[in-house]
Amino acid sequence: MSIKSITLGGGCFWCLEAVFDRLQGVVDVVSGYSNGHTLNPSYEAVCSGQTGHVEVVQLRYDSSIIGLEEVLQVFFVIHDPTTLNRQGNDEGTQYRSGIYWEDESDLEVIEKVLAELKDQRAYASPITTEVLALKNFSRAEDYHQDYFVNHPNQGYCAYVVAPKVAKFTQTFASRLKV
């Protein structure tokens, strides 16, 4: 196995985690916070908008099974990268779209995917996804981990997370974990 890591922000981390947990080649998904200016913030502090953090998922994936390009293709299908600091009704800087890399060699792949989306005019509005080196990542509180799996009937999960999971399942059926 060749394990690599990428950290993605695309709205609430519950949505991203629920999708990427189901993707072949992804070996671990951790909900957390990154790219803010404080260390180890609480959920409440992040939600206040005062820490500068974004809600993210940190993926570890086996690059012999799935490449970063395909991970990013899924990422851009399951969230709207054109709404600055917003995903649906979730609004605030903690919900911004972002790709946070650890390995500088990933930057070339990220830029290629973004350029292809722009060339294809995949979105009616400009993509606002920030691309930065990962900094100040911290794991979210335990109750946020595997949230959708543990609370599928909770209101937000039923009305926001479940449709994203369904869209992923339909769009990437051949890439679902068995």
N, C-alpha and C. Protein backbone atom coordinates (compact mmCIF):
# COMPACT_ATOMS: atom_id res chain seq x y z
N MET A 1 0.85 -1.20 0.00
CA MET A 1 0.00 0.00 0.00
C MET A 1 0.88 1.24 0.00
N SER A 2 0.41 2.23 -0.71
CA SER A 2 1.07 3.53 -0.75
C SER A 2 0.09 4.57 -0.21
N ILE A 3 0.19 4.86 1.06
CA ILE A 3 -0.78 5.73 1.73
C ILE A 3 -0.38 7.19 1.57
N LYS A 4 -1.35 7.98 1.12
CA LYS A 4 -1.17 9.42 0.97
C LYS A 4 -2.27 10.10 1.76
N SER A 5 -2.14 11.41 1.92
CA SER A 5 -3.10 12.16 2.71
C SER A 5 -3.44 13.48 2.02
N ILE A 6 -4.71 13.86 2.12
CA ILE A 6 -5.17 15.16 1.64
C ILE A 6 -6.27 15.62 2.59
N THR A 7 -6.38 16.91 2.78
CA THR A 7 -7.38 17.47 3.69
C THR A 7 -8.30 18.38 2.87
N LEU A 8 -9.61 18.17 3.02
CA LEU A 8 -10.60 18.86 2.19
C LEU A 8 -11.66 19.54 3.04
N GLY A 9 -12.00 20.76 2.64
CA GLY A 9 -13.10 21.49 3.27
C GLY A 9 -14.16 21.77 2.22
N GLY A 10 -15.38 21.38 2.51
CA GLY A 10 -16.47 21.59 1.54
C GLY A 10 -17.80 21.68 2.26
N GLY A 11 -17.87 22.53 3.26
CA GLY A 11 -19.07 22.63 4.07
C GLY A 11 -18.92 21.80 5.31
N CYS A 12 -20.01 21.34 5.85
CA CYS A 12 -20.01 20.55 7.08
C CYS A 12 -19.21 19.27 6.89
N PHE A 13 -18.34 18.99 7.84
CA PHE A 13 -17.51 17.79 7.71
C PHE A 13 -18.31 16.50 7.80
N TRP A 14 -19.49 16.53 8.37
CA TRP A 14 -20.32 15.32 8.42
C TRP A 14 -20.65 14.83 7.01
N CYS A 15 -20.92 15.77 6.09
CA CYS A 15 -21.25 15.39 4.71
C CYS A 15 -20.05 14.75 4.02
N LEU A 16 -18.91 15.40 4.12
CA LEU A 16 -17.72 14.89 3.44
C LEU A 16 -17.30 13.53 4.00
N GLU A 17 -17.32 13.40 5.31
CA GLU A 17 -16.94 12.13 5.93
C GLU A 17 -17.85 11.00 5.47
N ALA A 18 -19.15 11.26 5.43
CA ALA A 18 -20.13 10.23 5.06
C ALA A 18 -19.89 9.72 3.64
N VAL A 19 -19.46 10.60 2.75
CA VAL A 19 -19.18 10.21 1.37
C VAL A 19 -17.83 9.49 1.27
N PHE A 20 -16.78 10.11 1.77
CA PHE A 20 -15.45 9.54 1.57
C PHE A 20 -15.24 8.23 2.32
N ASP A 21 -16.00 8.00 3.38
CA ASP A 21 -15.94 6.70 4.07
C ASP A 21 -16.38 5.57 3.15
N ARG A 22 -17.14 5.89 2.11
CA ARG A 22 -17.70 4.88 1.20
C ARG A 22 -16.88 4.69 -0.08
N LEU A 23 -15.83 5.49 -0.26
CA LEU A 23 -15.06 5.48 -1.51
C LEU A 23 -13.93 4.46 -1.45
N GLN A 24 -13.88 3.60 -2.46
CA GLN A 24 -12.80 2.61 -2.57
C GLN A 24 -11.45 3.31 -2.52
N GLY A 25 -10.54 2.71 -1.79
CA GLY A 25 -9.19 3.25 -1.71
C GLY A 25 -8.97 4.17 -0.53
N VAL A 26 -10.04 4.72 0.03
CA VAL A 26 -9.91 5.58 1.21
C VAL A 26 -9.83 4.66 2.42
N VAL A 27 -8.76 4.78 3.18
CA VAL A 27 -8.54 3.89 4.32
C VAL A 27 -8.91 4.53 5.65
N ASP A 28 -9.00 5.86 5.69
CA ASP A 28 -9.35 6.53 6.94
C ASP A 28 -9.84 7.93 6.64
N VAL A 29 -10.87 8.37 7.37
CA VAL A 29 -11.40 9.72 7.25
C VAL A 29 -11.55 10.27 8.66
N VAL A 30 -10.95 11.43 8.91
CA VAL A 30 -11.03 12.06 10.22
C VAL A 30 -11.62 13.46 10.04
N SER A 31 -12.69 13.74 10.75
CA SER A 31 -13.26 15.09 10.75
C SER A 31 -12.42 15.97 11.66
N GLY A 32 -12.20 17.20 11.22
CA GLY A 32 -11.37 18.09 12.03
C GLY A 32 -11.47 19.53 11.58
N TYR A 33 -10.49 20.30 12.02
CA TYR A 33 -10.41 21.73 11.73
C TYR A 33 -9.00 22.03 11.24
N SER A 34 -8.89 22.94 10.27
CA SER A 34 -7.55 23.30 9.81
C SER A 34 -7.49 24.74 9.33
N ASN A 35 -6.27 25.17 9.12
CA ASN A 35 -5.92 26.43 8.51
C ASN A 35 -6.49 27.66 9.22
N GLY A 36 -6.60 27.54 10.53
CA GLY A 36 -6.95 28.69 11.35
C GLY A 36 -5.71 29.19 12.07
N HIS A 37 -5.90 30.14 12.96
CA HIS A 37 -4.75 30.75 13.64
C HIS A 37 -4.61 30.36 15.11
N THR A 38 -5.39 29.41 15.58
CA THR A 38 -5.23 28.92 16.94
C THR A 38 -5.00 27.41 16.90
N LEU A 39 -4.43 26.88 17.96
CA LEU A 39 -4.19 25.45 18.04
C LEU A 39 -5.34 24.77 18.78
N ASN A 40 -5.77 23.62 18.27
CA ASN A 40 -6.77 22.78 18.91
C ASN A 40 -8.03 23.52 19.34
N PRO A 41 -8.71 24.17 18.42
CA PRO A 41 -9.93 24.89 18.80
C PRO A 41 -11.08 23.92 19.09
N SER A 42 -12.05 24.40 19.81
CA SER A 42 -13.27 23.63 20.04
C SER A 42 -14.24 23.89 18.88
N TYR A 43 -15.23 23.02 18.76
CA TYR A 43 -16.26 23.19 17.75
C TYR A 43 -16.95 24.55 17.91
N GLU A 44 -17.25 24.90 19.14
CA GLU A 44 -17.93 26.18 19.40
C GLU A 44 -17.06 27.36 18.96
N ALA A 45 -15.76 27.28 19.21
CA ALA A 45 -14.85 28.37 18.80
C ALA A 45 -14.79 28.47 17.27
N VAL A 46 -14.71 27.32 16.60
CA VAL A 46 -14.68 27.32 15.13
C VAL A 46 -15.97 27.92 14.58
N CYS A 47 -17.12 27.51 15.15
CA CYS A 47 -18.42 28.01 14.68
C CYS A 47 -18.59 29.51 14.91
N SER A 48 -17.85 30.07 15.86
CA SER A 48 -17.94 31.50 16.12
C SER A 48 -17.31 32.31 14.99
N GLY A 49 -16.48 31.66 14.17
CA GLY A 49 -15.79 32.35 13.09
C GLY A 49 -14.55 33.11 13.53
N GLN A 50 -14.23 33.04 14.81
CA GLN A 50 -13.10 33.81 15.34
C GLN A 50 -11.75 33.13 15.20
N THR A 51 -11.73 31.82 14.93
CA THR A 51 -10.45 31.10 14.88
C THR A 51 -9.85 31.04 13.48
N GLY A 52 -10.67 31.31 12.47
CA GLY A 52 -10.20 31.23 11.09
C GLY A 52 -10.15 29.81 10.53
N HIS A 53 -10.55 28.82 11.32
CA HIS A 53 -10.50 27.43 10.86
C HIS A 53 -11.63 27.11 9.89
N VAL A 54 -11.40 26.06 9.13
CA VAL A 54 -12.42 25.49 8.23
C VAL A 54 -12.71 24.08 8.72
N GLU A 55 -13.97 23.67 8.66
CA GLU A 55 -14.32 22.27 8.94
C GLU A 55 -13.80 21.44 7.78
N VAL A 56 -13.05 20.40 8.09
CA VAL A 56 -12.41 19.59 7.05
C VAL A 56 -12.53 18.11 7.37
N VAL A 57 -12.23 17.31 6.36
CA VAL A 57 -11.94 15.90 6.57
C VAL A 57 -10.53 15.65 6.08
N GLN A 58 -9.80 14.90 6.86
CA GLN A 58 -8.46 14.50 6.44
C GLN A 58 -8.56 13.05 5.99
N LEU A 59 -8.26 12.85 4.71
CA LEU A 59 -8.35 11.52 4.11
C LEU A 59 -6.98 10.88 4.04
N ARG A 60 -6.94 9.62 4.37
CA ARG A 60 -5.78 8.79 4.06
C ARG A 60 -6.28 7.80 3.02
N TYR A 61 -5.57 7.73 1.90
CA TYR A 61 -6.01 6.86 0.82
C TYR A 61 -4.83 6.10 0.24
N ASP A 62 -5.15 4.93 -0.30
CA ASP A 62 -4.15 4.08 -0.91
C ASP A 62 -4.03 4.49 -2.38
N SER A 63 -2.93 5.14 -2.71
CA SER A 63 -2.76 5.67 -4.06
C SER A 63 -2.56 4.57 -5.11
N SER A 64 -2.40 3.33 -4.68
CA SER A 64 -2.36 2.24 -5.66
C SER A 64 -3.77 1.82 -6.07
N ILE A 65 -4.79 2.30 -5.34
CA ILE A 65 -6.19 2.00 -5.65
C ILE A 65 -6.90 3.21 -6.23
N ILE A 66 -6.63 4.37 -5.68
CA ILE A 66 -7.28 5.61 -6.13
C ILE A 66 -6.26 6.75 -6.09
N GLY A 67 -6.30 7.58 -7.12
CA GLY A 67 -5.39 8.70 -7.18
C GLY A 67 -6.03 9.97 -6.67
N LEU A 68 -5.22 10.97 -6.42
CA LEU A 68 -5.72 12.25 -5.94
C LEU A 68 -6.69 12.87 -6.94
N GLU A 69 -6.43 12.72 -8.23
CA GLU A 69 -7.33 13.29 -9.23
C GLU A 69 -8.76 12.76 -9.06
N GLU A 70 -8.89 11.46 -8.84
CA GLU A 70 -10.23 10.90 -8.66
C GLU A 70 -10.85 11.32 -7.32
N VAL A 71 -10.04 11.41 -6.28
CA VAL A 71 -10.54 11.92 -4.99
C VAL A 71 -11.12 13.32 -5.20
N LEU A 72 -10.40 14.15 -5.94
CA LEU A 72 -10.87 15.52 -6.19
C LEU A 72 -12.11 15.56 -7.08
N GLN A 73 -12.22 14.63 -8.02
CA GLN A 73 -13.43 14.56 -8.85
C GLN A 73 -14.65 14.32 -7.97
N VAL A 74 -14.53 13.41 -7.01
CA VAL A 74 -15.63 13.17 -6.07
C VAL A 74 -15.91 14.43 -5.26
N PHE A 75 -14.87 15.04 -4.75
CA PHE A 75 -14.99 16.26 -3.94
C PHE A 75 -15.78 17.34 -4.68
N PHE A 76 -15.48 17.53 -5.96
CA PHE A 76 -16.15 18.60 -6.71
C PHE A 76 -17.57 18.24 -7.13
N VAL A 77 -17.95 16.97 -7.06
CA VAL A 77 -19.33 16.57 -7.34
C VAL A 77 -20.21 16.74 -6.09
N ILE A 78 -19.63 16.52 -4.91
CA ILE A 78 -20.47 16.47 -3.71
C ILE A 78 -20.60 17.79 -2.97
N HIS A 79 -19.96 18.85 -3.45
CA HIS A 79 -20.17 20.15 -2.82
C HIS A 79 -20.14 21.23 -3.90
N ASP A 80 -20.59 22.41 -3.54
CA ASP A 80 -20.61 23.54 -4.47
C ASP A 80 -19.39 24.41 -4.22
N PRO A 81 -18.39 24.36 -5.10
CA PRO A 81 -17.17 25.12 -4.88
C PRO A 81 -17.27 26.59 -5.31
N THR A 82 -18.47 27.03 -5.66
CA THR A 82 -18.63 28.41 -6.16
C THR A 82 -19.24 29.36 -5.13
N THR A 83 -19.63 28.84 -4.00
CA THR A 83 -20.26 29.69 -2.99
C THR A 83 -19.26 30.00 -1.89
N LEU A 84 -18.81 31.22 -1.83
CA LEU A 84 -17.79 31.63 -0.87
C LEU A 84 -18.34 31.54 0.55
N ASN A 85 -17.66 30.77 1.38
CA ASN A 85 -18.02 30.65 2.80
C ASN A 85 -19.44 30.17 3.02
N ARG A 86 -19.89 29.26 2.17
CA ARG A 86 -21.26 28.77 2.29
C ARG A 86 -21.42 27.44 1.58
N GLN A 87 -22.24 26.57 2.17
CA GLN A 87 -22.73 25.35 1.54
C GLN A 87 -24.19 25.24 1.94
N GLY A 88 -25.09 25.45 1.01
CA GLY A 88 -26.52 25.41 1.33
C GLY A 88 -26.85 26.45 2.38
N ASN A 89 -27.48 26.01 3.46
CA ASN A 89 -27.83 26.92 4.54
C ASN A 89 -26.70 27.14 5.53
N ASP A 90 -25.61 26.37 5.41
CA ASP A 90 -24.46 26.54 6.30
C ASP A 90 -23.64 27.71 5.80
N GLU A 91 -23.53 28.74 6.63
CA GLU A 91 -22.83 29.95 6.21
C GLU A 91 -21.80 30.35 7.25
N GLY A 92 -20.63 30.75 6.78
CA GLY A 92 -19.54 31.19 7.64
C GLY A 92 -18.22 30.71 7.07
N THR A 93 -17.14 31.34 7.49
CA THR A 93 -15.83 31.00 6.94
C THR A 93 -15.44 29.55 7.22
N GLN A 94 -16.03 28.94 8.26
CA GLN A 94 -15.70 27.55 8.57
C GLN A 94 -16.26 26.58 7.53
N TYR A 95 -17.14 27.07 6.65
CA TYR A 95 -17.74 26.21 5.62
C TYR A 95 -17.14 26.47 4.23
N ARG A 96 -16.03 27.17 4.16
CA ARG A 96 -15.44 27.49 2.86
C ARG A 96 -14.91 26.23 2.18
N SER A 97 -14.81 26.32 0.87
CA SER A 97 -14.28 25.23 0.06
C SER A 97 -12.76 25.35 0.04
N GLY A 98 -12.09 24.25 0.35
CA GLY A 98 -10.63 24.31 0.36
C GLY A 98 -9.98 22.95 0.18
N ILE A 99 -8.81 22.99 -0.41
CA ILE A 99 -7.96 21.81 -0.56
C ILE A 99 -6.65 22.15 0.14
N TYR A 100 -6.30 21.36 1.14
CA TYR A 100 -5.12 21.64 1.97
C TYR A 100 -4.15 20.48 1.84
N TRP A 101 -3.04 20.74 1.19
CA TRP A 101 -2.09 19.70 0.83
C TRP A 101 -0.93 19.65 1.82
N GLU A 102 -0.37 18.46 1.93
CA GLU A 102 0.83 18.26 2.75
C GLU A 102 2.04 18.01 1.88
N ASP A 103 1.82 17.37 0.75
CA ASP A 103 2.89 16.99 -0.17
C ASP A 103 2.85 17.96 -1.35
N GLU A 104 3.88 18.76 -1.50
CA GLU A 104 3.89 19.78 -2.55
C GLU A 104 3.70 19.19 -3.95
N SER A 105 4.06 17.93 -4.13
CA SER A 105 3.86 17.30 -5.44
C SER A 105 2.37 17.18 -5.78
N ASP A 106 1.50 17.21 -4.77
CA ASP A 106 0.05 17.15 -5.03
C ASP A 106 -0.47 18.44 -5.66
N LEU A 107 0.26 19.51 -5.50
CA LEU A 107 -0.18 20.81 -6.01
C LEU A 107 -0.39 20.78 -7.53
N GLU A 108 0.45 20.07 -8.24
CA GLU A 108 0.32 19.97 -9.71
C GLU A 108 -1.00 19.29 -10.08
N VAL A 109 -1.37 18.23 -9.37
CA VAL A 109 -2.62 17.52 -9.64
C VAL A 109 -3.81 18.42 -9.31
N ILE A 110 -3.74 19.10 -8.18
CA ILE A 110 -4.82 20.01 -7.76
C ILE A 110 -5.04 21.09 -8.81
N GLU A 111 -3.96 21.72 -9.25
CA GLU A 111 -4.06 22.78 -10.25
C GLU A 111 -4.59 22.26 -11.58
N LYS A 112 -4.21 21.04 -11.95
CA LYS A 112 -4.70 20.42 -13.19
C LYS A 112 -6.21 20.21 -13.12
N VAL A 113 -6.69 19.66 -12.02
CA VAL A 113 -8.14 19.42 -11.86
C VAL A 113 -8.90 20.74 -11.90
N LEU A 114 -8.40 21.75 -11.20
CA LEU A 114 -9.08 23.06 -11.21
C LEU A 114 -9.09 23.67 -12.61
N ALA A 115 -7.99 23.55 -13.33
CA ALA A 115 -7.93 24.09 -14.69
C ALA A 115 -8.91 23.36 -15.61
N GLU A 116 -9.02 22.05 -15.47
CA GLU A 116 -9.96 21.28 -16.29
C GLU A 116 -11.40 21.70 -16.01
N LEU A 117 -11.73 21.89 -14.74
CA LEU A 117 -13.09 22.34 -14.39
C LEU A 117 -13.39 23.70 -15.00
N LYS A 118 -12.39 24.58 -14.96
CA LYS A 118 -12.57 25.92 -15.54
C LYS A 118 -12.72 25.82 -17.06
N ASP A 119 -11.86 25.03 -17.70
CA ASP A 119 -11.92 24.87 -19.16
C ASP A 119 -13.24 24.25 -19.61
N GLN A 120 -13.76 23.33 -18.81
CA GLN A 120 -15.02 22.67 -19.13
C GLN A 120 -16.24 23.53 -18.79
N ARG A 121 -15.98 24.64 -18.16
CA ARG A 121 -17.07 25.50 -17.66
C ARG A 121 -18.08 24.65 -16.87
N ALA A 122 -17.51 23.88 -15.94
CA ALA A 122 -18.31 22.94 -15.14
C ALA A 122 -19.31 23.65 -14.24
N TYR A 123 -19.05 24.90 -13.93
CA TYR A 123 -19.93 25.67 -13.04
C TYR A 123 -20.26 27.01 -13.69
N ALA A 124 -21.45 27.50 -13.42
CA ALA A 124 -21.89 28.79 -13.98
C ALA A 124 -21.16 29.96 -13.33
N SER A 125 -20.72 29.78 -12.10
CA SER A 125 -20.01 30.83 -11.36
C SER A 125 -18.56 30.40 -11.14
N PRO A 126 -17.68 31.36 -10.85
CA PRO A 126 -16.27 31.02 -10.62
C PRO A 126 -16.08 30.13 -9.39
N ILE A 127 -15.12 29.24 -9.46
CA ILE A 127 -14.76 28.38 -8.33
C ILE A 127 -14.02 29.23 -7.29
N THR A 128 -14.43 29.10 -6.03
CA THR A 128 -13.82 29.88 -4.95
C THR A 128 -12.96 29.02 -4.03
N THR A 129 -12.72 27.78 -4.40
CA THR A 129 -11.95 26.85 -3.58
C THR A 129 -10.55 27.38 -3.33
N GLU A 130 -10.17 27.49 -2.05
CA GLU A 130 -8.79 27.90 -1.76
C GLU A 130 -7.89 26.67 -1.77
N VAL A 131 -6.66 26.87 -2.20
CA VAL A 131 -5.67 25.81 -2.24
C VAL A 131 -4.46 26.30 -1.45
N LEU A 132 -4.24 25.65 -0.31
CA LEU A 132 -3.17 26.08 0.59
C LEU A 132 -2.48 24.88 1.21
N ALA A 133 -1.28 25.12 1.68
CA ALA A 133 -0.60 24.09 2.47
C ALA A 133 -1.39 23.89 3.76
N LEU A 134 -1.45 22.66 4.22
CA LEU A 134 -2.16 22.35 5.45
C LEU A 134 -1.41 22.94 6.64
N LYS A 135 -2.17 23.57 7.53
CA LYS A 135 -1.57 24.04 8.78
C LYS A 135 -2.60 23.93 9.90
N ASN A 136 -2.10 23.75 11.09
CA ASN A 136 -2.91 23.72 12.31
C ASN A 136 -4.09 22.76 12.23
N PHE A 137 -3.87 21.56 11.69
CA PHE A 137 -4.95 20.57 11.69
C PHE A 137 -5.13 20.02 13.10
N SER A 138 -6.38 19.90 13.50
CA SER A 138 -6.68 19.18 14.74
C SER A 138 -7.95 18.37 14.54
N ARG A 139 -7.97 17.23 15.16
CA ARG A 139 -9.11 16.31 15.11
C ARG A 139 -10.29 16.95 15.83
N ALA A 140 -11.47 16.84 15.24
CA ALA A 140 -12.68 17.33 15.90
C ALA A 140 -13.02 16.40 17.07
N GLU A 141 -13.88 16.86 17.90
CA GLU A 141 -14.33 16.12 19.06
C GLU A 141 -14.86 14.75 18.63
N ASP A 142 -14.77 13.77 19.52
CA ASP A 142 -15.16 12.39 19.21
C ASP A 142 -16.60 12.29 18.69
N TYR A 143 -17.51 13.09 19.22
CA TYR A 143 -18.91 12.96 18.80
C TYR A 143 -19.12 13.37 17.35
N HIS A 144 -18.16 14.04 16.72
CA HIS A 144 -18.26 14.40 15.31
C HIS A 144 -17.79 13.26 14.39
N GLN A 145 -17.01 12.34 14.90
CA GLN A 145 -16.47 11.26 14.08
C GLN A 145 -17.59 10.26 13.78
N ASP A 146 -17.68 9.85 12.52
CA ASP A 146 -18.70 8.89 12.08
C ASP A 146 -20.11 9.36 12.43
N TYR A 147 -20.32 10.66 12.34
CA TYR A 147 -21.59 11.24 12.79
C TYR A 147 -22.79 10.69 12.00
N PHE A 148 -22.68 10.66 10.69
CA PHE A 148 -23.80 10.18 9.87
C PHE A 148 -24.11 8.70 10.15
N VAL A 149 -23.09 7.90 10.29
CA VAL A 149 -23.27 6.48 10.58
C VAL A 149 -24.01 6.31 11.91
N ASN A 150 -23.65 7.13 12.89
CA ASN A 150 -24.24 7.01 14.23
C ASN A 150 -25.57 7.73 14.40
N HIS A 151 -25.89 8.67 13.50
CA HIS A 151 -27.12 9.48 13.64
C HIS A 151 -27.83 9.68 12.31
N PRO A 152 -28.11 8.61 11.55
CA PRO A 152 -28.67 8.79 10.20
C PRO A 152 -30.05 9.45 10.19
N ASN A 153 -30.79 9.36 11.27
CA ASN A 153 -32.14 9.93 11.31
C ASN A 153 -32.19 11.32 11.93
N GLN A 154 -31.07 11.81 12.41
CA GLN A 154 -31.01 13.18 12.93
C GLN A 154 -31.38 14.12 11.78
N GLY A 155 -32.07 15.21 12.05
CA GLY A 155 -32.61 16.08 11.01
C GLY A 155 -31.61 16.51 9.96
N TYR A 156 -30.47 17.05 10.36
CA TYR A 156 -29.46 17.52 9.40
C TYR A 156 -28.96 16.35 8.55
N CYS A 157 -28.76 15.21 9.19
CA CYS A 157 -28.28 14.04 8.45
C CYS A 157 -29.31 13.58 7.42
N ALA A 158 -30.57 13.53 7.83
CA ALA A 158 -31.63 13.05 6.93
C ALA A 158 -31.85 13.99 5.76
N TYR A 159 -31.77 15.29 5.99
CA TYR A 159 -32.13 16.26 4.94
C TYR A 159 -30.95 16.87 4.19
N VAL A 160 -29.74 16.80 4.75
CA VAL A 160 -28.58 17.39 4.08
C VAL A 160 -27.54 16.34 3.73
N VAL A 161 -27.15 15.53 4.70
CA VAL A 161 -26.08 14.55 4.45
C VAL A 161 -26.57 13.42 3.54
N ALA A 162 -27.73 12.84 3.84
CA ALA A 162 -28.23 11.69 3.06
C ALA A 162 -28.34 11.99 1.56
N PRO A 163 -28.85 13.16 1.15
CA PRO A 163 -28.90 13.44 -0.30
C PRO A 163 -27.51 13.50 -0.94
N LYS A 164 -26.51 13.99 -0.21
CA LYS A 164 -25.14 14.02 -0.77
C LYS A 164 -24.60 12.60 -0.91
N VAL A 165 -24.89 11.76 0.07
CA VAL A 165 -24.46 10.37 -0.01
C VAL A 165 -25.16 9.69 -1.18
N ALA A 166 -26.44 9.96 -1.36
CA ALA A 166 -27.19 9.37 -2.48
C ALA A 166 -26.63 9.83 -3.82
N LYS A 167 -26.30 11.11 -3.94
CA LYS A 167 -25.72 11.64 -5.18
C LYS A 167 -24.38 10.95 -5.47
N PHE A 168 -23.56 10.82 -4.44
CA PHE A 168 -22.29 10.13 -4.59
C PHE A 168 -22.50 8.69 -5.04
N THR A 169 -23.42 8.00 -4.37
CA THR A 169 -23.70 6.59 -4.67
C THR A 169 -24.14 6.41 -6.11
N GLN A 170 -24.97 7.31 -6.61
CA GLN A 170 -25.44 7.22 -7.99
C GLN A 170 -24.33 7.58 -8.99
N THR A 171 -23.59 8.63 -8.69
CA THR A 171 -22.58 9.13 -9.63
C THR A 171 -21.35 8.23 -9.68
N PHE A 172 -20.98 7.65 -8.55
CA PHE A 172 -19.75 6.88 -8.47
C PHE A 172 -20.01 5.43 -8.02
N ALA A 173 -21.08 4.84 -8.51
CA ALA A 173 -21.48 3.49 -8.08
C ALA A 173 -20.34 2.48 -8.23
N SER A 174 -19.55 2.60 -9.28
CA SER A 174 -18.48 1.63 -9.50
C SER A 174 -17.32 1.82 -8.54
N ARG A 175 -17.31 2.89 -7.79
CA ARG A 175 -16.20 3.18 -6.87
C ARG A 175 -16.57 2.98 -5.40
N LEU A 176 -17.76 2.42 -5.15
CA LEU A 176 -18.19 2.18 -3.77
C LEU A 176 -17.41 1.03 -3.16
N LYS A 177 -17.13 1.16 -1.87
CA LYS A 177 -16.54 0.03 -1.14
C LYS A 177 -17.56 -1.09 -1.11
N VAL A 178 -17.05 -2.30 -1.15
CA VAL A 178 -17.94 -3.47 -1.15
C VAL A 178 -18.32 -3.83 0.26
